[in-house]
Protein backbone atom coordinates (compact mmCIF):
# COMPACT_ATOMS: atom_id res chain seq x y z
CA MET A 1 -19.81 -4.34 13.70
CA LYS A 2 -22.34 -5.12 11.19
CA THR A 3 -22.75 -8.77 9.83
CA THR A 4 -24.36 -9.63 6.48
CA HIS A 5 -25.61 -13.19 6.13
CA VAL A 6 -25.53 -14.37 2.44
CA SER A 7 -26.17 -17.63 0.58
CA LEU A 8 -23.24 -18.73 -1.47
CA CYS A 9 -24.37 -22.07 -2.79
CA SER A 10 -22.41 -21.30 -5.94
CA LEU A 11 -19.21 -21.19 -3.87
CA ILE A 12 -19.50 -24.61 -2.31
CA PHE A 13 -17.89 -26.44 -5.21
CA LEU A 14 -14.68 -24.34 -4.90
CA VAL A 15 -12.79 -27.36 -3.50
CA ILE A 16 -9.06 -27.25 -4.00
CA SER A 17 -7.24 -29.98 -5.80
CA LEU A 18 -3.52 -30.45 -6.24
CA PHE A 19 -1.72 -30.36 -9.56
CA LEU A 20 0.20 -33.50 -10.51
CA HIS A 21 3.81 -32.37 -11.48
CA ARG A 22 6.67 -34.05 -13.16
CA GLY A 23 10.21 -33.59 -11.75
CA ASN A 24 12.86 -31.12 -12.86
CA SER A 25 15.77 -32.73 -14.53
CA HIS A 26 18.32 -30.27 -13.45
CA PRO A 27 20.40 -31.62 -10.41
CA ASP A 28 20.65 -28.12 -8.69
CA ALA A 29 17.17 -26.90 -9.45
CA VAL A 30 14.69 -26.63 -6.57
CA LEU A 31 11.72 -29.12 -6.78
CA ASP A 32 9.17 -26.43 -6.28
CA THR A 33 5.57 -27.38 -5.73
CA ASP A 34 4.42 -23.78 -4.88
CA LEU A 35 2.21 -21.95 -7.48
CA LEU A 36 2.42 -18.51 -8.70
CA VAL A 37 -0.12 -16.24 -10.00
CA TYR A 38 0.80 -12.97 -11.77
CA SER A 39 -0.83 -10.18 -13.75
CA VAL A 40 0.72 -8.24 -16.61
CA PHE A 41 -0.68 -4.82 -17.57
CA ASP A 42 -0.01 -3.57 -20.99
CA TYR A 43 -1.06 -0.08 -21.79
CA ASP A 44 -2.23 -1.14 -25.34
CA ILE A 45 -4.27 -4.41 -24.40
CA GLY A 46 -5.10 -4.16 -20.85
CA ASN A 47 -4.64 -6.90 -17.99
CA THR A 48 -3.98 -10.44 -18.25
CA LEU A 49 -4.08 -12.98 -15.18
CA TYR A 50 -1.88 -16.01 -15.41
CA LEU A 51 -1.20 -19.23 -13.36
CA TYR A 52 2.37 -20.40 -13.52
CA ASP A 53 3.16 -24.08 -12.71
CA THR A 54 6.77 -24.17 -11.46
CA ILE A 55 7.47 -27.87 -12.29
CA ASN A 56 6.37 -27.86 -15.84
CA ASN A 57 7.37 -24.23 -16.33
CA GLU A 58 4.05 -23.45 -17.99
CA SER A 59 1.73 -20.39 -17.73
CA GLN A 60 -2.12 -20.64 -18.34
CA ILE A 61 -4.32 -17.64 -18.76
CA LEU A 62 -6.95 -17.38 -15.91
CA TYR A 63 -8.66 -13.99 -16.91
CA GLN A 64 -8.30 -10.94 -19.33
CA ASP A 65 -9.74 -7.58 -18.88
CA GLU A 66 -9.15 -4.27 -20.83
CA GLY A 67 -8.70 -2.30 -17.59
CA ARG A 68 -6.46 -3.12 -14.70
CA ILE A 69 -7.19 -5.78 -11.96
CA ARG A 70 -5.97 -6.20 -8.47
CA PHE A 71 -5.75 -9.82 -7.08
CA GLU A 72 -4.80 -11.85 -3.90
CA PHE A 73 -3.90 -15.51 -3.97
CA SER A 74 -4.97 -17.78 -0.94
CA PRO A 75 -2.95 -20.68 0.52
CA ASN A 76 -5.99 -22.81 -0.56
CA GLY A 77 -5.67 -21.96 -4.30
CA LEU A 78 -8.46 -19.32 -4.65
CA VAL A 79 -7.72 -16.10 -6.36
CA VAL A 80 -9.89 -13.13 -5.64
CA PHE A 81 -9.59 -10.10 -7.85
CA SER A 82 -11.34 -6.82 -8.59
CA THR A 83 -11.91 -5.22 -11.98
CA ASP A 84 -11.64 -1.53 -13.01
CA TRP A 85 -8.78 -1.24 -10.58
CA ILE A 86 -7.64 2.31 -10.10
CA TRP A 87 -5.94 3.03 -6.70
CA GLU A 88 -8.13 2.02 -3.94
CA ASN A 89 -11.22 2.07 -6.12
CA ASN A 90 -14.42 -0.01 -6.22
CA GLY A 91 -14.79 -2.67 -8.70
CA GLU A 92 -16.59 -5.99 -9.19
CA LEU A 93 -15.03 -8.94 -6.97
CA PHE A 94 -14.65 -12.36 -8.48
CA VAL A 95 -13.22 -15.36 -7.12
CA LEU A 96 -11.80 -18.27 -9.15
CA ASP A 97 -10.26 -21.68 -8.23
CA THR A 98 -6.80 -22.52 -9.66
CA GLY A 99 -7.30 -26.18 -8.59
CA GLU A 100 -9.66 -26.99 -11.38
CA GLY A 101 -7.49 -26.73 -14.30
CA GLU A 102 -8.74 -30.00 -16.16
CA SER A 103 -12.15 -28.65 -16.12
CA GLY A 104 -11.36 -24.93 -16.60
CA TYR A 105 -11.14 -22.25 -13.72
CA PRO A 106 -14.51 -21.78 -12.22
CA LEU A 107 -15.32 -18.11 -11.86
CA VAL A 108 -17.85 -16.77 -9.18
CA ASN A 109 -19.05 -13.15 -9.09
CA LEU A 110 -18.48 -12.43 -5.40
CA SER A 111 -19.99 -8.96 -5.53
CA GLN A 112 -23.21 -10.36 -6.61
CA GLU A 113 -23.27 -12.86 -3.84
CA ILE A 114 -22.46 -10.41 -1.01
CA ASN A 115 -23.95 -7.20 -2.78
CA LYS A 116 -20.81 -5.30 -2.52
CA LEU A 117 -18.26 -3.81 -4.61
CA GLY A 118 -14.68 -3.26 -3.55
CA TYR A 119 -11.07 -4.44 -3.88
CA PRO A 120 -9.18 -7.39 -2.10
CA LEU A 121 -6.79 -6.69 0.76
CA GLY A 122 -5.50 -10.32 1.54
CA TRP A 123 -6.53 -13.66 2.75
CA SER A 124 -5.76 -15.11 6.29
CA ASP A 125 -2.90 -17.74 6.42
CA ASP A 126 -5.25 -20.64 6.54
CA GLY A 127 -7.28 -19.21 3.50
CA ASN A 128 -10.59 -19.19 5.42
CA TYR A 129 -11.07 -15.56 5.61
CA LEU A 130 -10.70 -12.65 3.09
CA ALA A 131 -10.14 -8.90 4.23
CA PHE A 132 -11.38 -6.46 1.52
CA ALA A 133 -12.21 -2.79 1.39
CA SER A 134 -15.14 -0.90 -0.23
CA LYS A 135 -15.98 2.79 -0.69
CA ILE A 136 -18.93 3.86 1.07
CA ASP A 137 -21.12 7.12 1.59
CA GLU A 138 -20.78 7.91 -2.01
CA GLY A 139 -17.03 7.32 -2.18
CA GLN A 140 -16.42 9.91 0.68
CA GLN A 141 -14.66 7.15 2.90
CA GLN A 142 -13.81 3.43 2.90
CA ALA A 143 -14.73 0.50 5.02
CA ILE A 144 -12.94 -2.80 5.75
CA TYR A 145 -14.83 -6.17 5.65
CA ILE A 146 -14.01 -9.81 6.44
CA TRP A 147 -15.78 -12.53 4.41
CA ASN A 148 -15.61 -16.12 5.71
CA GLY A 149 -17.24 -17.76 2.66
CA THR A 150 -20.78 -17.28 4.08
CA THR A 151 -20.91 -13.88 5.71
CA THR A 152 -19.42 -10.60 5.53
CA THR A 153 -18.59 -8.50 8.64
CA ASP A 154 -17.77 -4.72 8.75
CA ILE A 155 -14.79 -4.50 11.16
CA THR A 156 -14.27 -0.66 10.50
CA PRO A 157 -13.64 1.04 13.85
CA GLN A 158 -15.90 3.67 15.09
CA ASN A 159 -14.95 7.01 16.21
CA THR A 160 -11.63 7.13 14.19
CA LEU A 161 -9.17 9.96 14.23
CA GLY A 162 -10.22 10.84 10.65
CA ILE A 163 -12.16 9.52 7.60
CA PRO A 164 -10.61 6.18 6.38
CA GLN A 165 -9.24 6.50 2.88
CA GLY A 166 -7.37 3.31 2.46
CA PHE A 167 -5.94 0.10 4.35
CA ASP A 168 -2.87 -2.17 4.63
CA ILE A 169 -3.24 -5.53 6.44
CA ALA A 170 -1.29 -8.28 8.17
CA TRP A 171 -2.83 -11.53 9.27
CA SER A 172 -1.54 -13.49 12.39
CA PRO A 173 -1.19 -17.18 12.21
CA GLU A 174 -4.13 -17.38 14.68
CA GLY A 175 -6.51 -15.42 12.33
CA HIS A 176 -6.16 -12.05 14.08
CA LEU A 177 -5.89 -9.06 11.77
CA ALA A 178 -3.74 -5.89 12.24
CA PHE A 179 -4.60 -3.26 9.65
CA THR A 180 -3.37 0.22 9.04
CA ILE A 181 -5.88 2.91 8.36
CA TRP A 182 -4.83 5.70 6.07
CA PHE A 183 -6.69 8.82 6.81
CA GLY A 184 -5.39 11.56 4.33
CA SER A 185 -2.34 13.21 3.16
CA SER A 186 -3.02 16.85 4.15
CA ASN A 187 -1.19 18.50 7.14
CA SER A 188 -4.58 18.78 8.81
CA ASP A 189 -5.27 14.98 8.58
CA PRO A 190 -3.95 12.35 11.01
CA ARG A 191 -1.78 10.21 8.82
CA SER A 192 -2.42 6.64 9.89
CA GLU A 193 -3.26 4.38 12.94
CA ILE A 194 -2.96 0.52 13.52
CA TYR A 195 -6.09 -1.48 14.68
CA ILE A 196 -6.45 -5.08 15.51
CA TRP A 197 -9.43 -7.45 14.85
CA ASN A 198 -9.36 -10.46 17.02
CA GLY A 199 -12.30 -12.22 15.43
CA LYS A 200 -14.86 -10.44 17.52
CA THR A 201 -13.86 -6.77 18.34
CA THR A 202 -11.76 -3.99 16.73
CA THR A 203 -9.29 -2.08 19.06
CA ASN A 204 -6.61 0.52 18.39
CA LEU A 205 -3.17 -0.93 18.68
CA SER A 206 -0.88 2.06 18.03
CA GLN A 207 -2.87 4.81 19.96
CA ASN A 208 -0.38 7.37 18.66
CA MET A 209 -2.37 10.15 16.91
CA ASN A 210 0.60 12.23 16.22
CA ALA A 211 2.70 9.83 14.29
CA GLU A 212 2.25 7.86 11.08
CA ASP A 213 1.87 4.26 12.31
CA ARG A 214 2.22 1.54 9.74
CA GLU A 215 3.88 -1.91 8.69
CA PRO A 216 2.37 -4.35 11.29
CA LEU A 217 3.96 -7.75 11.10
CA TRP A 218 3.12 -10.75 13.39
CA ASN A 219 5.48 -13.61 14.04
CA ALA A 220 4.23 -17.35 15.05
CA ASN A 221 4.33 -16.40 18.65
CA GLY A 222 1.60 -13.84 18.44
CA GLU A 223 4.05 -10.92 18.81
CA LEU A 224 3.54 -7.85 16.58
CA VAL A 225 6.01 -5.27 15.53
CA PHE A 226 5.29 -2.03 13.80
CA GLY A 227 6.83 1.20 12.79
CA SER A 228 5.89 4.83 13.86
CA ILE A 229 7.24 8.00 11.84
CA LEU A 230 7.24 11.44 13.66
CA ASP A 231 9.36 14.40 12.80
CA ASN A 232 11.51 12.41 10.31
CA ASP A 233 12.39 9.80 13.10
CA ILE A 234 11.36 6.17 12.73
CA VAL A 235 10.83 3.97 15.82
CA LEU A 236 10.14 0.21 15.69
CA SER A 237 7.92 -1.03 18.50
CA LEU A 238 7.18 -4.74 19.55
CA TRP A 239 3.86 -5.60 21.36
CA ASP A 240 3.87 -9.00 22.98
CA GLY A 241 0.28 -9.65 21.83
CA ILE A 242 -1.11 -10.40 25.17
CA SER A 243 -0.76 -7.21 27.34
CA TYR A 244 -3.87 -5.15 27.77
CA ASP A 245 -5.06 -2.12 29.64
CA ASN A 246 -8.74 -1.15 29.85
CA GLY A 247 -9.46 -3.19 26.71
CA LEU A 248 -6.72 -1.76 24.73
CA PRO A 249 -3.20 -3.07 23.99
CA ASP A 250 -0.93 -1.77 26.85
CA ILE A 251 1.47 0.73 25.40
CA THR A 252 3.52 0.73 28.50
CA THR A 253 4.63 -2.79 27.51
CA PHE A 254 5.56 -1.88 24.05
CA ALA A 255 9.40 -2.69 23.64
CA ARG A 256 11.60 -0.52 21.38
CA VAL A 257 13.52 -2.22 18.86
CA ALA A 258 17.29 -1.45 18.61
CA PRO A 259 17.18 1.94 20.07
CA GLN A 260 20.65 2.50 19.62
CA LEU A 261 20.38 2.30 15.73
CA ASP A 262 19.03 5.06 13.27
CA ILE A 263 16.08 3.02 11.76
CA PHE A 264 15.71 4.03 8.01
CA SER A 265 12.30 2.29 7.28
CA PRO A 266 9.41 0.83 9.24
CA PHE A 267 9.51 -2.32 6.97
CA THR A 268 10.71 -5.34 8.82
CA VAL A 269 10.97 -9.13 8.39
CA TRP A 270 10.80 -11.87 10.95
CA ILE A 271 13.64 -14.45 10.67
CA GLY A 272 11.91 -17.43 12.42
CA ASP A 273 9.96 -16.31 15.27
CA ASP A 274 12.58 -14.54 17.49
CA VAL A 275 15.01 -12.57 15.28
CA LEU A 276 13.78 -9.43 13.29
CA ALA A 277 15.53 -7.90 10.21
CA PHE A 278 15.16 -4.28 9.13
CA GLU A 279 17.01 -1.48 7.42
CA ALA A 280 19.18 0.92 9.76
CA LEU A 281 22.42 2.76 10.30
CA ASP A 282 24.80 2.49 13.13
CA SER A 283 27.04 5.50 13.95
CA GLN A 284 29.88 3.84 11.93
CA ASP A 285 27.80 3.33 8.90
CA ALA A 286 28.03 5.49 5.84
CA TYR A 287 25.23 3.69 4.07
CA ILE A 288 21.90 1.87 5.05
CA GLN A 289 22.60 -1.64 6.11
CA ILE A 290 20.47 -4.68 6.78
CA TYR A 291 20.47 -5.49 10.52
CA GLU A 292 19.21 -8.34 12.52
CA TRP A 293 18.02 -8.10 16.26
CA ASN A 294 17.49 -10.84 18.63
CA GLY A 295 15.67 -8.88 21.30
CA GLN A 296 19.03 -7.93 23.04
CA THR A 297 21.73 -7.46 20.56
CA TRP A 298 21.90 -6.46 16.88
CA SER A 299 24.38 -7.09 14.09
CA ASN A 300 25.01 -5.87 10.45
CA ILE A 301 24.27 -8.70 8.12
CA SER A 302 24.54 -7.16 4.82
CA GLN A 303 27.97 -5.69 5.25
CA ILE A 304 27.84 -3.73 1.89
CA SER A 305 30.03 -0.58 2.59
CA ASP A 306 29.82 1.40 -0.52
CA THR A 307 26.06 1.46 -1.15
CA ASN A 308 22.57 1.36 0.63
CA SER A 309 20.94 -2.06 1.18
CA TYR A 310 17.15 -2.57 1.20
CA THR A 311 14.34 -4.94 1.31
CA PRO A 312 15.47 -8.04 2.86
CA GLN A 313 13.26 -11.17 2.45
CA TRP A 314 13.85 -14.77 3.82
CA SER A 315 12.83 -18.11 2.49
CA GLN A 316 11.72 -21.04 4.55
CA SER A 317 14.93 -22.81 3.56
CA GLY A 318 17.13 -20.31 5.08
CA HIS A 319 18.18 -18.47 2.04
CA TRP A 320 17.75 -14.72 2.03
CA THR A 321 17.95 -11.68 -0.31
CA PHE A 322 18.36 -7.95 -0.37
CA VAL A 323 18.81 -5.18 -2.97
CA THR A 324 21.27 -2.52 -3.12
CA GLY A 325 20.98 1.15 -4.31
CA GLN A 326 22.12 0.14 -7.82
CA GLU A 327 19.20 -2.41 -8.11
CA HIS A 328 21.56 -5.13 -7.52
CA LEU A 329 20.36 -8.25 -5.96
CA TYR A 330 22.25 -10.51 -3.48
CA ILE A 331 21.32 -14.10 -2.40
CA ARG A 332 22.75 -15.57 0.58
CA ASP A 333 22.54 -18.77 2.38
CA ALA A 334 21.67 -19.21 6.21
CA ASP A 335 25.39 -18.88 7.10
CA TYR A 336 25.26 -15.33 5.25
CA ASN A 337 27.45 -16.44 2.29
CA THR A 338 26.61 -14.93 -1.03
CA VAL A 339 25.49 -17.89 -3.33
CA PHE A 340 24.22 -15.71 -6.40
CA GLU A 341 24.03 -12.12 -7.37
CA THR A 342 22.40 -10.31 -10.31
CA ASP A 343 20.54 -7.10 -11.34
CA GLY A 344 17.04 -6.96 -9.93
CA GLN A 345 14.62 -5.86 -7.25
CA SER A 346 11.38 -6.61 -5.44
CA PRO A 347 12.29 -10.23 -4.52
CA ALA A 348 9.87 -12.94 -3.32
CA TRP A 349 10.46 -16.50 -2.15
CA SER A 350 8.29 -19.44 -2.84
CA SER A 351 7.73 -21.97 -0.09
CA ASN A 352 10.24 -24.31 -1.65
CA GLY A 353 13.08 -21.80 -2.11
CA SER A 354 13.00 -20.47 -5.62
CA LEU A 355 12.90 -16.76 -6.02
CA ILE A 356 11.05 -14.24 -8.37
CA PHE A 357 12.31 -10.81 -8.79
CA CYS A 358 11.88 -7.78 -11.37
CA ARG A 359 14.39 -6.63 -13.93
CA ARG A 360 14.45 -4.18 -16.67
CA ASN A 361 14.50 -5.28 -20.16
CA ASP A 362 15.86 -3.86 -23.41
CA ARG A 363 12.74 -1.69 -24.02
CA ASN A 364 13.04 -0.27 -20.34
CA ASP A 365 9.94 -1.67 -19.34
CA TRP A 366 9.62 -4.82 -16.88
CA LYS A 367 10.32 -8.42 -16.88
CA LEU A 368 9.61 -10.96 -14.18
CA SER A 369 12.34 -13.52 -13.45
CA ARG A 370 12.86 -16.71 -11.66
CA TRP A 371 15.98 -18.17 -9.91
CA ASP A 372 15.53 -21.78 -9.13
CA HIS A 373 19.02 -22.34 -7.67
CA ALA A 374 20.33 -23.54 -11.00
CA SER A 375 19.61 -20.75 -13.53
CA VAL A 376 17.54 -17.61 -14.10
CA SER A 377 14.67 -17.60 -16.36
CA THR A 378 12.14 -15.00 -17.66
CA LEU A 379 8.49 -15.62 -16.90
CA THR A 380 6.89 -12.62 -18.71
CA GLN A 381 7.41 -8.97 -19.58
CA GLY A 382 5.05 -5.99 -19.54
CA ASP A 383 4.45 -2.42 -18.35
CA VAL A 384 3.29 -3.21 -14.83
CA ILE A 385 3.71 -6.85 -13.34
CA TYR A 386 2.37 -8.12 -9.97
CA ALA A 387 3.09 -11.76 -8.95
CA GLN A 388 2.24 -13.53 -5.82
CA TRP A 389 3.13 -16.99 -4.55
CA ARG A 390 0.35 -19.21 -3.08
CA SER A 391 2.47 -19.28 0.10
CA GLY A 392 2.29 -15.48 0.31
CA GLN A 393 5.31 -13.43 -0.73
CA SER A 394 4.85 -10.99 -3.64
CA ALA A 395 6.85 -8.96 -6.38
CA ILE A 396 5.80 -5.59 -7.95
CA CYS A 397 7.31 -4.55 -11.05
CA SER A 398 6.25 -0.98 -11.55
CA ASP A 399 7.69 2.41 -11.71
CA GLY A 400 5.13 3.70 -9.08
């Protein structure tokens, strides 16, 4: 691994302060202290980045650009974004602090500080580390880096199965990083592998060169689940996070998740630390359902018999949501009772239990909506919208 030491004196002042909010007067509405950052792209005017204050129901402009931008919102209130965003393209990296509203939003050119272009992948759960990617070798391949506020470290594994062309990531609560490397789309290329960086070294987790391995996800116990696609079959595997053999995760200890079910997608969600939710079919199902698995048994928790069910998401309060094939969104409580339903997709919960999601408007472009347990309001409209809560969950309103 390569480590580059830099001086970031201009970043020292990025100390996060909390906003002072006034309460919501509706008795059923969630008192939401989470913050939301969202970007709205319009083909005529470009991209605008906003900060939304849930208590005061106010949005403030953070940044505007004629092109597209990509951003990631940290738990500490920092936003990192890249300009000139085209899919997995290098741009200038900037960092701004959403906690400095009264004196403006300090903007730092991170690319100048670290002497690298790139695009952000995501912050660690404590907000102390940023993973980002950068095109190297004149754009022929990509590398993945960690920035800790003072240094950048290249964690790209050596001797990979192919040439890295892109990354997806998942941070653990302990600050370990699981990341998928995408190698290419041709039949001659290996599709993807999952690697782990433990803060010092990078190792191959999936060790499965014949499959497309993707969607790693940690729980608070340090266990990691991921999906493997081979010959149109999908297998979900669970690693305990501690078993190694000759310096690599011990694949003989991987547990197969719900082998009796036909898994539809490698996408999974942890419900707490011990129960996993995913999309699958039992032999009796005519349509895709949402199942939960506790390590021993499984059960159908969506129970929608006349259409497919997708993309489950859980809130910290126990409420959860999923979307059906007709782009109909269900919200249920911890006892699996439906408490609200509406048209929508791409749901994302705040830390306090309000929900954002995407809906079509009358012009057939997108609007971003918020449900606060009392009503649904529209936050913005545009051709492409990306929104992320400070606590992590995100929504994408896009046609592809």
